[in-house]
Amino acid sequence: MLYTILPPKVSSNINNLIVQFNDSIEDSFIWSHNKNRVYTTKSGYDWLLCQSATTTTSTSHHSWSWIWKLRLPEKYKFLVWLTCHDAAPTLYLLMHMNIAQSTVSTHCDQQEETFLHYICDCLHSFRIWCHLGFNSDDFFAEINTYVSLKNGLTGFQYLAFSAGVWWVWRHRNLMGLNNEVWSRNHLTLTIQNSMVINCTSMHHISLVDSFDKVVKWN
């Protein structure tokens, strides 16, 4: 069945190889990178790290354990993890994957739509953060996505920051996929409601009295 001509040395080694089979044992796959020869996701992840140890990447020196230790909903943590690996589907990424035709943000038509640009620098997002009380110049001056997310999610305002990142990003997707546009007050109120829910469910502390509730009667 083999049509490739083997070198004489290789052919000799194969012919002289003595293999003993045990008919009572069925053939099976084993994972040689685990002590018990059984594959686990952890052993697979460790193997991948060893394979990429010689590859220099922008995030190779980062630790990810702090993300999974956050007392936040899993969907928040997954978005952060995805973003820190430069895998969030922004126009900048989609353009390099030949899916989008342009990297320029469709909401401001000024800069490339990276995750950090849309979340913080885009005019629409900028107004939301100011409305939530993030008025410091340092907050908008950060240019590194990993550092910006880690500082925001480990600071004392992490509840507001995490909910803001989640809903600003989700609103961006709703506008792009469903043409659904929310007002600034609607988006801000949704973020504040998420803060209350996250704080109550994760910390068993109520934040209901911390905000002024805006009620609209039709």
N, C-alpha and C. Protein backbone atom coordinates (compact mmCIF):
# COMPACT_ATOMS: atom_id res chain seq x y z
N MET A 1 0.82 -1.21 0.00
CA MET A 1 0.00 0.00 0.00
C MET A 1 0.86 1.26 0.00
N LEU A 2 2.11 1.13 0.40
CA LEU A 2 3.00 2.29 0.43
C LEU A 2 3.68 2.44 -0.93
N TYR A 3 3.56 3.61 -1.50
CA TYR A 3 4.18 3.84 -2.80
C TYR A 3 5.45 4.68 -2.68
N THR A 4 5.72 5.25 -1.48
CA THR A 4 6.93 6.04 -1.29
C THR A 4 8.12 5.11 -1.09
N ILE A 5 9.19 5.36 -1.79
CA ILE A 5 10.39 4.54 -1.65
C ILE A 5 11.12 4.96 -0.38
N LEU A 6 11.25 4.02 0.55
CA LEU A 6 11.90 4.33 1.82
C LEU A 6 13.41 4.20 1.69
N PRO A 7 14.16 5.01 2.41
CA PRO A 7 15.62 4.84 2.42
C PRO A 7 15.98 3.46 2.97
N PRO A 8 17.05 2.88 2.52
CA PRO A 8 17.44 1.52 2.96
C PRO A 8 17.54 1.39 4.48
N LYS A 9 18.05 2.43 5.14
CA LYS A 9 18.23 2.35 6.60
C LYS A 9 16.87 2.29 7.30
N VAL A 10 15.92 3.10 6.84
CA VAL A 10 14.59 3.11 7.43
C VAL A 10 13.89 1.78 7.18
N SER A 11 14.00 1.29 5.95
CA SER A 11 13.38 0.01 5.60
C SER A 11 13.94 -1.13 6.44
N SER A 12 15.26 -1.10 6.68
CA SER A 12 15.89 -2.14 7.49
C SER A 12 15.41 -2.09 8.93
N ASN A 13 15.27 -0.87 9.47
CA ASN A 13 14.81 -0.73 10.85
C ASN A 13 13.39 -1.25 11.02
N ILE A 14 12.54 -0.98 10.03
CA ILE A 14 11.15 -1.45 10.11
C ILE A 14 11.09 -2.97 10.04
N ASN A 15 11.86 -3.56 9.14
CA ASN A 15 11.84 -5.01 8.96
C ASN A 15 12.39 -5.74 10.17
N ASN A 16 13.32 -5.11 10.87
CA ASN A 16 13.95 -5.76 12.03
C ASN A 16 13.23 -5.44 13.34
N LEU A 17 12.18 -4.63 13.25
CA LEU A 17 11.45 -4.26 14.46
C LEU A 17 10.55 -5.41 14.90
N ILE A 18 10.68 -5.80 16.16
CA ILE A 18 9.88 -6.89 16.71
C ILE A 18 8.78 -6.29 17.59
N VAL A 19 7.55 -6.50 17.22
CA VAL A 19 6.42 -5.97 17.97
C VAL A 19 5.60 -7.13 18.50
N GLN A 20 5.33 -7.11 19.79
CA GLN A 20 4.52 -8.15 20.41
C GLN A 20 3.14 -7.60 20.73
N PHE A 21 2.12 -8.26 20.26
CA PHE A 21 0.75 -7.81 20.48
C PHE A 21 0.08 -8.71 21.51
N ASN A 22 -0.84 -8.10 22.24
CA ASN A 22 -1.65 -8.83 23.21
C ASN A 22 -3.08 -8.84 22.70
N ASP A 23 -3.54 -9.98 22.25
CA ASP A 23 -4.87 -10.07 21.64
C ASP A 23 -5.99 -9.83 22.64
N SER A 24 -5.69 -9.93 23.93
CA SER A 24 -6.74 -9.76 24.93
C SER A 24 -7.00 -8.30 25.28
N ILE A 25 -6.17 -7.40 24.78
CA ILE A 25 -6.32 -5.97 25.07
C ILE A 25 -6.64 -5.23 23.78
N GLU A 26 -7.69 -4.44 23.81
CA GLU A 26 -8.08 -3.68 22.62
C GLU A 26 -7.18 -2.46 22.46
N ASP A 27 -6.94 -2.10 21.21
CA ASP A 27 -6.16 -0.90 20.93
C ASP A 27 -6.91 0.34 21.41
N SER A 28 -6.18 1.32 21.91
CA SER A 28 -6.81 2.55 22.40
C SER A 28 -5.80 3.68 22.33
N PHE A 29 -6.34 4.89 22.29
CA PHE A 29 -5.48 6.07 22.32
C PHE A 29 -5.06 6.38 23.75
N ILE A 30 -3.82 6.81 23.92
CA ILE A 30 -3.36 7.26 25.24
C ILE A 30 -2.77 8.65 25.09
N TRP A 31 -2.81 9.41 26.17
CA TRP A 31 -2.26 10.75 26.19
C TRP A 31 -0.97 10.71 26.99
N SER A 32 0.15 10.80 26.29
CA SER A 32 1.45 10.59 26.93
C SER A 32 1.90 11.78 27.79
N HIS A 33 1.13 12.85 27.80
CA HIS A 33 1.54 14.04 28.58
C HIS A 33 0.82 14.11 29.92
N ASN A 34 0.24 13.01 30.35
CA ASN A 34 -0.40 12.95 31.65
C ASN A 34 0.04 11.64 32.32
N LYS A 35 0.19 11.65 33.64
CA LYS A 35 0.73 10.49 34.35
C LYS A 35 -0.15 9.25 34.18
N ASN A 36 -1.47 9.44 34.21
CA ASN A 36 -2.37 8.30 34.07
C ASN A 36 -2.77 8.02 32.63
N ARG A 37 -2.12 8.70 31.68
CA ARG A 37 -2.34 8.49 30.25
C ARG A 37 -3.74 8.87 29.78
N VAL A 38 -4.46 9.63 30.60
CA VAL A 38 -5.81 10.08 30.24
C VAL A 38 -5.77 11.57 29.98
N TYR A 39 -6.36 11.98 28.87
CA TYR A 39 -6.34 13.40 28.50
C TYR A 39 -7.28 14.21 29.38
N THR A 40 -6.80 15.38 29.81
CA THR A 40 -7.63 16.36 30.51
C THR A 40 -7.38 17.72 29.87
N THR A 41 -8.32 18.62 30.02
CA THR A 41 -8.15 19.96 29.44
C THR A 41 -6.94 20.67 30.04
N LYS A 42 -6.68 20.43 31.32
CA LYS A 42 -5.54 21.07 31.98
C LYS A 42 -4.22 20.57 31.38
N SER A 43 -4.11 19.25 31.18
CA SER A 43 -2.88 18.72 30.60
C SER A 43 -2.72 19.18 29.15
N GLY A 44 -3.84 19.30 28.44
CA GLY A 44 -3.78 19.82 27.08
C GLY A 44 -3.34 21.27 27.04
N TYR A 45 -3.85 22.05 27.99
CA TYR A 45 -3.48 23.46 28.06
C TYR A 45 -2.00 23.60 28.42
N ASP A 46 -1.53 22.78 29.37
CA ASP A 46 -0.11 22.81 29.74
C ASP A 46 0.77 22.43 28.56
N TRP A 47 0.31 21.46 27.77
CA TRP A 47 1.09 21.05 26.60
C TRP A 47 1.17 22.19 25.58
N LEU A 48 0.05 22.89 25.38
CA LEU A 48 0.05 24.02 24.45
C LEU A 48 0.99 25.13 24.91
N LEU A 49 1.02 25.37 26.23
CA LEU A 49 1.93 26.38 26.77
C LEU A 49 3.38 26.00 26.50
N CYS A 50 3.69 24.71 26.63
CA CYS A 50 5.06 24.26 26.36
C CYS A 50 5.40 24.44 24.88
N GLN A 51 4.42 24.19 24.01
CA GLN A 51 4.66 24.33 22.58
C GLN A 51 4.90 25.77 22.17
N SER A 52 4.23 26.68 22.87
CA SER A 52 4.34 28.10 22.51
C SER A 52 5.35 28.84 23.38
N ALA A 53 6.12 28.09 24.17
CA ALA A 53 7.06 28.75 25.09
C ALA A 53 8.12 29.53 24.33
N THR A 54 8.47 29.05 23.14
CA THR A 54 9.51 29.71 22.36
C THR A 54 8.96 30.81 21.46
N THR A 55 7.63 30.94 21.42
CA THR A 55 6.99 31.94 20.57
C THR A 55 6.75 33.21 21.38
N THR A 56 7.20 34.32 20.90
CA THR A 56 7.02 35.59 21.58
C THR A 56 5.72 36.23 21.13
N THR A 57 4.82 36.45 22.09
CA THR A 57 3.56 37.12 21.80
C THR A 57 3.40 38.28 22.74
N SER A 58 2.46 39.18 22.39
CA SER A 58 2.25 40.38 23.19
C SER A 58 1.64 40.08 24.54
N THR A 59 1.01 38.90 24.69
CA THR A 59 0.34 38.59 25.94
C THR A 59 0.96 37.39 26.64
N SER A 60 2.15 36.93 26.19
CA SER A 60 2.74 35.72 26.75
C SER A 60 3.14 35.89 28.20
N HIS A 61 3.39 37.12 28.63
CA HIS A 61 3.86 37.34 30.01
C HIS A 61 2.71 37.63 30.96
N HIS A 62 1.49 37.62 30.46
CA HIS A 62 0.35 37.96 31.31
C HIS A 62 -0.15 36.74 32.06
N SER A 63 -0.70 37.01 33.23
CA SER A 63 -1.37 35.97 33.99
C SER A 63 -2.87 36.16 33.83
N TRP A 64 -3.59 35.05 33.70
CA TRP A 64 -5.02 35.13 33.46
C TRP A 64 -5.84 34.71 34.68
N SER A 65 -5.20 34.26 35.73
CA SER A 65 -5.93 33.76 36.88
C SER A 65 -6.79 34.83 37.54
N TRP A 66 -6.36 36.09 37.47
CA TRP A 66 -7.11 37.17 38.12
C TRP A 66 -8.50 37.34 37.47
N ILE A 67 -8.60 37.00 36.19
CA ILE A 67 -9.89 37.15 35.51
C ILE A 67 -10.91 36.19 36.10
N TRP A 68 -10.52 34.93 36.28
CA TRP A 68 -11.47 33.91 36.73
C TRP A 68 -11.78 34.03 38.21
N LYS A 69 -10.98 34.83 38.93
CA LYS A 69 -11.25 35.04 40.35
C LYS A 69 -12.18 36.23 40.61
N LEU A 70 -12.52 36.96 39.55
CA LEU A 70 -13.41 38.10 39.71
C LEU A 70 -14.80 37.64 40.15
N ARG A 71 -15.40 38.38 41.05
CA ARG A 71 -16.76 38.05 41.51
C ARG A 71 -17.76 38.75 40.60
N LEU A 72 -17.82 38.23 39.39
CA LEU A 72 -18.67 38.79 38.34
C LEU A 72 -19.30 37.65 37.57
N PRO A 73 -20.37 37.90 36.81
CA PRO A 73 -20.97 36.85 35.99
C PRO A 73 -19.96 36.26 35.02
N GLU A 74 -20.13 34.99 34.71
CA GLU A 74 -19.19 34.29 33.83
C GLU A 74 -19.11 34.95 32.45
N LYS A 75 -20.22 35.45 31.95
CA LYS A 75 -20.21 36.07 30.62
C LYS A 75 -19.34 37.33 30.61
N TYR A 76 -19.28 38.06 31.75
CA TYR A 76 -18.40 39.22 31.85
C TYR A 76 -16.95 38.76 31.76
N LYS A 77 -16.62 37.73 32.53
CA LYS A 77 -15.23 37.27 32.59
C LYS A 77 -14.79 36.69 31.24
N PHE A 78 -15.71 36.03 30.55
CA PHE A 78 -15.34 35.47 29.24
C PHE A 78 -15.06 36.58 28.23
N LEU A 79 -15.86 37.65 28.26
CA LEU A 79 -15.61 38.78 27.36
C LEU A 79 -14.25 39.41 27.65
N VAL A 80 -13.91 39.56 28.93
CA VAL A 80 -12.61 40.12 29.31
C VAL A 80 -11.48 39.23 28.82
N TRP A 81 -11.63 37.92 29.04
CA TRP A 81 -10.59 36.97 28.61
C TRP A 81 -10.43 37.01 27.09
N LEU A 82 -11.55 37.07 26.38
CA LEU A 82 -11.52 37.13 24.93
C LEU A 82 -10.82 38.39 24.45
N THR A 83 -11.13 39.50 25.10
CA THR A 83 -10.56 40.78 24.71
C THR A 83 -9.06 40.84 24.99
N CYS A 84 -8.65 40.32 26.14
CA CYS A 84 -7.23 40.33 26.49
C CYS A 84 -6.40 39.47 25.53
N HIS A 85 -7.05 38.54 24.84
CA HIS A 85 -6.36 37.74 23.84
C HIS A 85 -6.54 38.31 22.43
N ASP A 86 -7.02 39.55 22.35
CA ASP A 86 -7.23 40.23 21.07
C ASP A 86 -8.13 39.41 20.15
N ALA A 87 -9.17 38.81 20.73
CA ALA A 87 -10.06 37.96 19.96
C ALA A 87 -11.49 38.48 19.91
N ALA A 88 -11.76 39.64 20.49
CA ALA A 88 -13.10 40.22 20.40
C ALA A 88 -13.35 40.64 18.95
N PRO A 89 -14.53 40.33 18.40
CA PRO A 89 -14.79 40.57 16.96
C PRO A 89 -15.01 42.04 16.62
N THR A 90 -14.00 42.85 16.79
CA THR A 90 -14.07 44.24 16.37
C THR A 90 -13.84 44.33 14.86
N LEU A 91 -14.13 45.49 14.30
CA LEU A 91 -13.90 45.67 12.86
C LEU A 91 -12.41 45.54 12.53
N TYR A 92 -11.55 45.93 13.47
CA TYR A 92 -10.11 45.82 13.25
C TYR A 92 -9.72 44.36 13.05
N LEU A 93 -10.29 43.48 13.89
CA LEU A 93 -9.99 42.05 13.77
C LEU A 93 -10.67 41.44 12.54
N LEU A 94 -11.94 41.79 12.33
CA LEU A 94 -12.69 41.22 11.21
C LEU A 94 -12.10 41.61 9.87
N MET A 95 -11.51 42.81 9.80
CA MET A 95 -10.87 43.24 8.56
C MET A 95 -9.66 42.35 8.25
N HIS A 96 -8.89 42.02 9.28
CA HIS A 96 -7.72 41.17 9.08
C HIS A 96 -8.11 39.72 8.78
N MET A 97 -9.37 39.37 9.07
CA MET A 97 -9.86 38.03 8.76
C MET A 97 -10.64 38.02 7.44
N ASN A 98 -10.58 39.16 6.72
CA ASN A 98 -11.27 39.32 5.43
C ASN A 98 -12.78 39.14 5.55
N ILE A 99 -13.34 39.56 6.69
CA ILE A 99 -14.78 39.51 6.89
C ILE A 99 -15.39 40.90 6.75
N ALA A 100 -14.75 41.90 7.31
CA ALA A 100 -15.21 43.29 7.20
C ALA A 100 -14.45 43.99 6.08
N GLN A 101 -15.06 45.01 5.53
CA GLN A 101 -14.44 45.75 4.42
C GLN A 101 -13.61 46.93 4.89
N SER A 102 -13.80 47.35 6.13
CA SER A 102 -13.06 48.50 6.65
C SER A 102 -12.88 48.35 8.15
N THR A 103 -11.81 48.97 8.66
CA THR A 103 -11.55 48.94 10.11
C THR A 103 -12.08 50.19 10.80
N VAL A 104 -12.55 51.17 10.02
CA VAL A 104 -13.01 52.43 10.61
C VAL A 104 -14.35 52.22 11.32
N SER A 105 -14.44 52.72 12.53
CA SER A 105 -15.65 52.57 13.32
C SER A 105 -16.85 53.19 12.61
N THR A 106 -17.92 52.46 12.53
CA THR A 106 -19.13 52.94 11.86
C THR A 106 -19.92 53.90 12.74
N HIS A 107 -19.53 54.04 14.00
CA HIS A 107 -20.28 54.89 14.93
C HIS A 107 -19.68 56.30 15.05
N CYS A 108 -18.38 56.40 14.79
CA CYS A 108 -17.77 57.74 14.85
C CYS A 108 -17.10 58.12 13.54
N ASP A 109 -16.83 57.14 12.68
CA ASP A 109 -16.19 57.38 11.37
C ASP A 109 -14.89 58.16 11.49
N GLN A 110 -14.15 57.90 12.57
CA GLN A 110 -12.91 58.65 12.78
C GLN A 110 -11.69 57.76 12.94
N GLN A 111 -11.79 56.70 13.73
CA GLN A 111 -10.64 55.86 14.03
C GLN A 111 -10.96 54.40 13.76
N GLU A 112 -9.89 53.58 13.80
CA GLU A 112 -10.07 52.15 13.67
C GLU A 112 -10.83 51.61 14.88
N GLU A 113 -11.74 50.68 14.62
CA GLU A 113 -12.54 50.15 15.72
C GLU A 113 -11.80 48.99 16.39
N THR A 114 -10.94 49.34 17.34
CA THR A 114 -10.40 48.35 18.26
C THR A 114 -11.34 48.29 19.46
N PHE A 115 -11.15 47.30 20.31
CA PHE A 115 -12.03 47.16 21.47
C PHE A 115 -11.88 48.37 22.39
N LEU A 116 -10.65 48.77 22.67
CA LEU A 116 -10.42 49.88 23.59
C LEU A 116 -10.96 51.18 23.02
N HIS A 117 -10.83 51.37 21.70
CA HIS A 117 -11.36 52.59 21.10
C HIS A 117 -12.86 52.69 21.28
N TYR A 118 -13.56 51.59 20.95
CA TYR A 118 -15.01 51.68 21.03
C TYR A 118 -15.50 51.78 22.47
N ILE A 119 -14.87 51.04 23.37
CA ILE A 119 -15.33 51.02 24.76
C ILE A 119 -15.09 52.36 25.44
N CYS A 120 -13.97 53.01 25.15
CA CYS A 120 -13.61 54.23 25.89
C CYS A 120 -13.58 55.49 25.04
N ASP A 121 -12.92 55.43 23.89
CA ASP A 121 -12.61 56.65 23.14
C ASP A 121 -13.73 57.12 22.22
N CYS A 122 -14.55 56.21 21.77
CA CYS A 122 -15.64 56.58 20.87
C CYS A 122 -16.55 57.59 21.57
N LEU A 123 -17.02 58.60 20.85
CA LEU A 123 -17.78 59.69 21.46
C LEU A 123 -19.01 59.17 22.21
N HIS A 124 -19.70 58.21 21.62
CA HIS A 124 -20.89 57.65 22.26
C HIS A 124 -20.53 57.01 23.60
N SER A 125 -19.45 56.21 23.62
CA SER A 125 -19.03 55.55 24.85
C SER A 125 -18.48 56.55 25.85
N PHE A 126 -17.78 57.55 25.36
CA PHE A 126 -17.21 58.58 26.23
C PHE A 126 -18.30 59.26 27.06
N ARG A 127 -19.41 59.57 26.44
CA ARG A 127 -20.51 60.23 27.15
C ARG A 127 -21.13 59.30 28.20
N ILE A 128 -21.20 58.01 27.89
CA ILE A 128 -21.75 57.06 28.86
C ILE A 128 -20.88 57.00 30.10
N TRP A 129 -19.56 56.92 29.92
CA TRP A 129 -18.65 56.84 31.07
C TRP A 129 -18.71 58.11 31.91
N CYS A 130 -18.79 59.24 31.26
CA CYS A 130 -18.90 60.50 32.01
C CYS A 130 -20.21 60.53 32.79
N HIS A 131 -21.27 59.99 32.20
CA HIS A 131 -22.56 59.93 32.87
C HIS A 131 -22.51 59.01 34.09
N LEU A 132 -21.62 58.00 34.04
CA LEU A 132 -21.47 57.07 35.16
C LEU A 132 -20.49 57.57 36.21
N GLY A 133 -19.83 58.68 35.95
CA GLY A 133 -18.92 59.25 36.94
C GLY A 133 -17.45 59.00 36.68
N PHE A 134 -17.12 58.43 35.53
CA PHE A 134 -15.71 58.20 35.18
C PHE A 134 -15.22 59.42 34.40
N ASN A 135 -14.77 60.42 35.12
CA ASN A 135 -14.39 61.69 34.48
C ASN A 135 -12.88 61.94 34.49
N SER A 136 -12.11 61.04 35.06
CA SER A 136 -10.68 61.24 35.16
C SER A 136 -10.01 61.16 33.80
N ASP A 137 -9.03 62.04 33.58
CA ASP A 137 -8.29 62.01 32.31
C ASP A 137 -7.49 60.72 32.18
N ASP A 138 -7.04 60.17 33.31
CA ASP A 138 -6.26 58.93 33.27
C ASP A 138 -7.09 57.77 32.74
N PHE A 139 -8.39 57.82 32.99
CA PHE A 139 -9.27 56.73 32.55
C PHE A 139 -9.30 56.64 31.02
N PHE A 140 -9.25 57.77 30.35
CA PHE A 140 -9.33 57.79 28.88
C PHE A 140 -7.96 57.85 28.22
N ALA A 141 -6.89 57.95 29.03
CA ALA A 141 -5.54 58.08 28.47
C ALA A 141 -4.85 56.74 28.24
N GLU A 142 -5.36 55.65 28.83
CA GLU A 142 -4.72 54.35 28.70
C GLU A 142 -4.83 53.84 27.27
N ILE A 143 -3.73 53.31 26.75
CA ILE A 143 -3.71 52.83 25.37
C ILE A 143 -3.54 51.30 25.30
N ASN A 144 -3.34 50.65 26.44
CA ASN A 144 -3.17 49.21 26.48
C ASN A 144 -4.46 48.57 26.99
N THR A 145 -5.05 47.70 26.18
CA THR A 145 -6.33 47.09 26.53
C THR A 145 -6.23 46.25 27.79
N TYR A 146 -5.19 45.43 27.89
CA TYR A 146 -5.02 44.55 29.05
C TYR A 146 -4.91 45.37 30.33
N VAL A 147 -4.06 46.38 30.31
CA VAL A 147 -3.85 47.21 31.51
C VAL A 147 -5.13 47.95 31.88
N SER A 148 -5.82 48.47 30.86
CA SER A 148 -7.05 49.22 31.12
C SER A 148 -8.11 48.35 31.77
N LEU A 149 -8.30 47.14 31.25
CA LEU A 149 -9.31 46.23 31.80
C LEU A 149 -8.92 45.76 33.20
N LYS A 150 -7.66 45.42 33.40
CA LYS A 150 -7.24 44.94 34.71
C LYS A 150 -7.36 46.02 35.77
N ASN A 151 -6.96 47.24 35.44
CA ASN A 151 -7.08 48.34 36.40
C ASN A 151 -8.53 48.61 36.75
N GLY A 152 -9.39 48.59 35.74
CA GLY A 152 -10.80 48.87 35.99
C GLY A 152 -11.50 47.78 36.76
N LEU A 153 -11.14 46.52 36.49
CA LEU A 153 -11.83 45.40 37.10
C LEU A 153 -11.29 45.02 38.48
N THR A 154 -10.15 45.57 38.85
CA THR A 154 -9.59 45.30 40.17
C THR A 154 -9.63 46.55 41.06
N GLY A 155 -10.19 47.64 40.54
CA GLY A 155 -10.31 48.86 41.32
C GLY A 155 -11.59 48.88 42.15
N PHE A 156 -11.78 49.94 42.92
CA PHE A 156 -12.92 50.01 43.82
C PHE A 156 -14.23 50.25 43.07
N GLN A 157 -14.17 50.68 41.81
CA GLN A 157 -15.37 50.88 41.01
C GLN A 157 -15.57 49.74 40.00
N TYR A 158 -15.12 48.56 40.36
CA TYR A 158 -15.14 47.47 39.39
C TYR A 158 -16.55 47.04 38.99
N LEU A 159 -17.53 47.22 39.88
CA LEU A 159 -18.91 46.86 39.53
C LEU A 159 -19.44 47.75 38.41
N ALA A 160 -19.21 49.04 38.56
CA ALA A 160 -19.66 49.98 37.53
C ALA A 160 -18.87 49.79 36.25
N PHE A 161 -17.58 49.56 36.38
CA PHE A 161 -16.73 49.40 35.19
C PHE A 161 -17.10 48.14 34.41
N SER A 162 -17.26 47.03 35.11
CA SER A 162 -17.58 45.77 34.43
C SER A 162 -18.93 45.83 33.74
N ALA A 163 -19.93 46.38 34.43
CA ALA A 163 -21.25 46.50 33.82
C ALA A 163 -21.21 47.47 32.63
N GLY A 164 -20.42 48.53 32.76
CA GLY A 164 -20.29 49.49 31.67
C GLY A 164 -19.67 48.87 30.44
N VAL A 165 -18.59 48.12 30.63
CA VAL A 165 -17.92 47.45 29.51
C VAL A 165 -18.87 46.47 28.83
N TRP A 166 -19.58 45.68 29.64
CA TRP A 166 -20.47 44.67 29.08
C TRP A 166 -21.58 45.30 28.25
N TRP A 167 -22.24 46.31 28.81
CA TRP A 167 -23.41 46.87 28.11
C TRP A 167 -23.04 47.80 26.97
N VAL A 168 -21.92 48.49 27.07
CA VAL A 168 -21.47 49.31 25.94
C VAL A 168 -21.13 48.40 24.76
N TRP A 169 -20.47 47.29 25.04
CA TRP A 169 -20.12 46.35 23.98
C TRP A 169 -21.37 45.67 23.43
N ARG A 170 -22.29 45.29 24.31
CA ARG A 170 -23.51 44.64 23.84
C ARG A 170 -24.36 45.60 23.02
N HIS A 171 -24.42 46.87 23.43
CA HIS A 171 -25.19 47.85 22.66
C HIS A 171 -24.58 48.04 21.28
N ARG A 172 -23.27 47.98 21.22
CA ARG A 172 -22.60 48.07 19.91
C ARG A 172 -23.05 46.94 19.01
N ASN A 173 -23.17 45.73 19.56
CA ASN A 173 -23.61 44.58 18.77
C ASN A 173 -25.08 44.68 18.38
N LEU A 174 -25.89 45.21 19.29
CA LEU A 174 -27.31 45.37 18.99
C LEU A 174 -27.52 46.38 17.86
N MET A 175 -26.72 47.43 17.86
CA MET A 175 -26.83 48.42 16.78
C MET A 175 -26.40 47.82 15.45
N GLY A 176 -25.33 47.01 15.47
CA GLY A 176 -24.82 46.45 14.23
C GLY A 176 -25.66 45.32 13.67
N LEU A 177 -26.24 44.50 14.56
CA LEU A 177 -26.97 43.31 14.11
C LEU A 177 -28.47 43.53 13.99
N ASN A 178 -29.03 44.35 14.90
CA ASN A 178 -30.49 44.51 14.94
C ASN A 178 -30.95 45.94 14.66
N ASN A 179 -30.01 46.85 14.37
CA ASN A 179 -30.33 48.26 14.19
C ASN A 179 -31.08 48.81 15.41
N GLU A 180 -30.71 48.34 16.57
CA GLU A 180 -31.37 48.72 17.82
C GLU A 180 -30.54 49.79 18.52
N VAL A 181 -31.07 50.99 18.61
CA VAL A 181 -30.35 52.11 19.19
C VAL A 181 -31.01 52.53 20.50
N TRP A 182 -30.22 52.56 21.57
CA TRP A 182 -30.72 52.98 22.87
C TRP A 182 -30.28 54.41 23.16
N SER A 183 -31.09 55.10 23.93
CA SER A 183 -30.71 56.44 24.38
C SER A 183 -29.64 56.33 25.46
N ARG A 184 -28.97 57.44 25.72
CA ARG A 184 -27.93 57.44 26.76
C ARG A 184 -28.53 57.13 28.12
N ASN A 185 -29.71 57.67 28.41
CA ASN A 185 -30.35 57.41 29.71
C ASN A 185 -30.74 55.94 29.84
N HIS A 186 -31.26 55.37 28.76
CA HIS A 186 -31.65 53.96 28.77
C HIS A 186 -30.44 53.07 29.04
N LEU A 187 -29.33 53.33 28.35
CA LEU A 187 -28.13 52.52 28.51
C LEU A 187 -27.54 52.70 29.92
N THR A 188 -27.53 53.93 30.41
CA THR A 188 -27.00 54.19 31.76
C THR A 188 -27.84 53.49 32.82
N LEU A 189 -29.16 53.55 32.68
CA LEU A 189 -30.04 52.90 33.64
C LEU A 189 -29.87 51.38 33.60
N THR A 190 -29.67 50.83 32.42
CA THR A 190 -29.44 49.39 32.29
C THR A 190 -28.14 48.99 32.98
N ILE A 191 -27.11 49.79 32.82
CA ILE A 191 -25.83 49.53 33.49
C ILE A 191 -25.99 49.57 35.00
N GLN A 192 -26.70 50.56 35.50
CA GLN A 192 -26.91 50.69 36.95
C GLN A 192 -27.73 49.52 37.49
N ASN A 193 -28.73 49.08 36.74
CA ASN A 193 -29.52 47.93 37.17
C ASN A 193 -28.66 46.66 37.22
N SER A 194 -27.76 46.52 36.27
CA SER A 194 -26.86 45.36 36.27
C SER A 194 -25.92 45.41 37.46
N MET A 195 -25.48 46.61 37.83
CA MET A 195 -24.63 46.74 39.01
C MET A 195 -25.35 46.24 40.25
N VAL A 196 -26.63 46.62 40.38
CA VAL A 196 -27.42 46.19 41.54
C VAL A 196 -27.56 44.67 41.56
N ILE A 197 -27.88 44.10 40.40
CA ILE A 197 -28.07 42.65 40.31
C ILE A 197 -26.77 41.91 40.61
N ASN A 198 -25.66 42.36 40.04
CA ASN A 198 -24.38 41.70 40.25
C ASN A 198 -23.92 41.80 41.70
N CYS A 199 -24.13 42.96 42.29
CA CYS A 199 -23.71 43.14 43.67
C CYS A 199 -24.56 42.28 44.60
N THR A 200 -25.85 42.22 44.34
CA THR A 200 -26.75 41.43 45.19
C THR A 200 -26.46 39.94 45.06
N SER A 201 -26.24 39.48 43.84
CA SER A 201 -26.05 38.05 43.61
C SER A 201 -24.65 37.57 43.97
N MET A 202 -23.64 38.43 43.77
CA MET A 202 -22.27 38.01 44.01
C MET A 202 -21.77 38.35 45.42
N HIS A 203 -22.31 39.42 46.00
CA HIS A 203 -21.81 39.87 47.29
C HIS A 203 -22.89 39.90 48.37
N HIS A 204 -24.13 39.62 47.98
CA HIS A 204 -25.25 39.64 48.93
C HIS A 204 -25.38 41.00 49.62
N ILE A 205 -25.10 42.06 48.86
CA ILE A 205 -25.24 43.43 49.36
C ILE A 205 -26.15 44.17 48.41
N SER A 206 -27.05 44.96 48.97
CA SER A 206 -28.00 45.69 48.14
C SER A 206 -27.47 47.08 47.83
N LEU A 207 -27.60 47.50 46.56
CA LEU A 207 -27.20 48.85 46.14
C LEU A 207 -28.42 49.66 45.71
N VAL A 208 -29.59 49.21 46.07
CA VAL A 208 -30.81 49.85 45.58
C VAL A 208 -30.86 51.31 45.98
N ASP A 209 -30.40 51.64 47.19
CA ASP A 209 -30.48 53.02 47.66
C ASP A 209 -29.36 53.91 47.13
N SER A 210 -28.43 53.33 46.36
CA SER A 210 -27.29 54.11 45.90
C SER A 210 -27.58 54.94 44.66
N PHE A 211 -28.70 54.65 43.96
CA PHE A 211 -28.99 55.35 42.72
C PHE A 211 -30.37 55.99 42.78
N ASP A 212 -30.50 57.06 42.03
CA ASP A 212 -31.81 57.66 41.84
C ASP A 212 -32.50 56.92 40.71
N LYS A 213 -33.66 56.38 40.98
CA LYS A 213 -34.39 55.65 39.96
C LYS A 213 -35.20 56.61 39.11
N VAL A 214 -35.03 56.50 37.80
CA VAL A 214 -35.75 57.34 36.86
C VAL A 214 -36.93 56.52 36.32
N VAL A 215 -38.13 57.00 36.55
CA VAL A 215 -39.33 56.28 36.13
C VAL A 215 -40.04 57.09 35.05
N LYS A 216 -40.38 56.41 33.97
CA LYS A 216 -41.07 57.08 32.88
C LYS A 216 -42.47 56.50 32.75
N TRP A 217 -43.49 57.39 32.77
CA TRP A 217 -44.88 56.95 32.65
C TRP A 217 -45.36 57.25 31.24
N ASN A 218 -45.94 56.27 30.61
CA ASN A 218 -46.53 56.43 29.27
C ASN A 218 -48.04 56.64 29.42
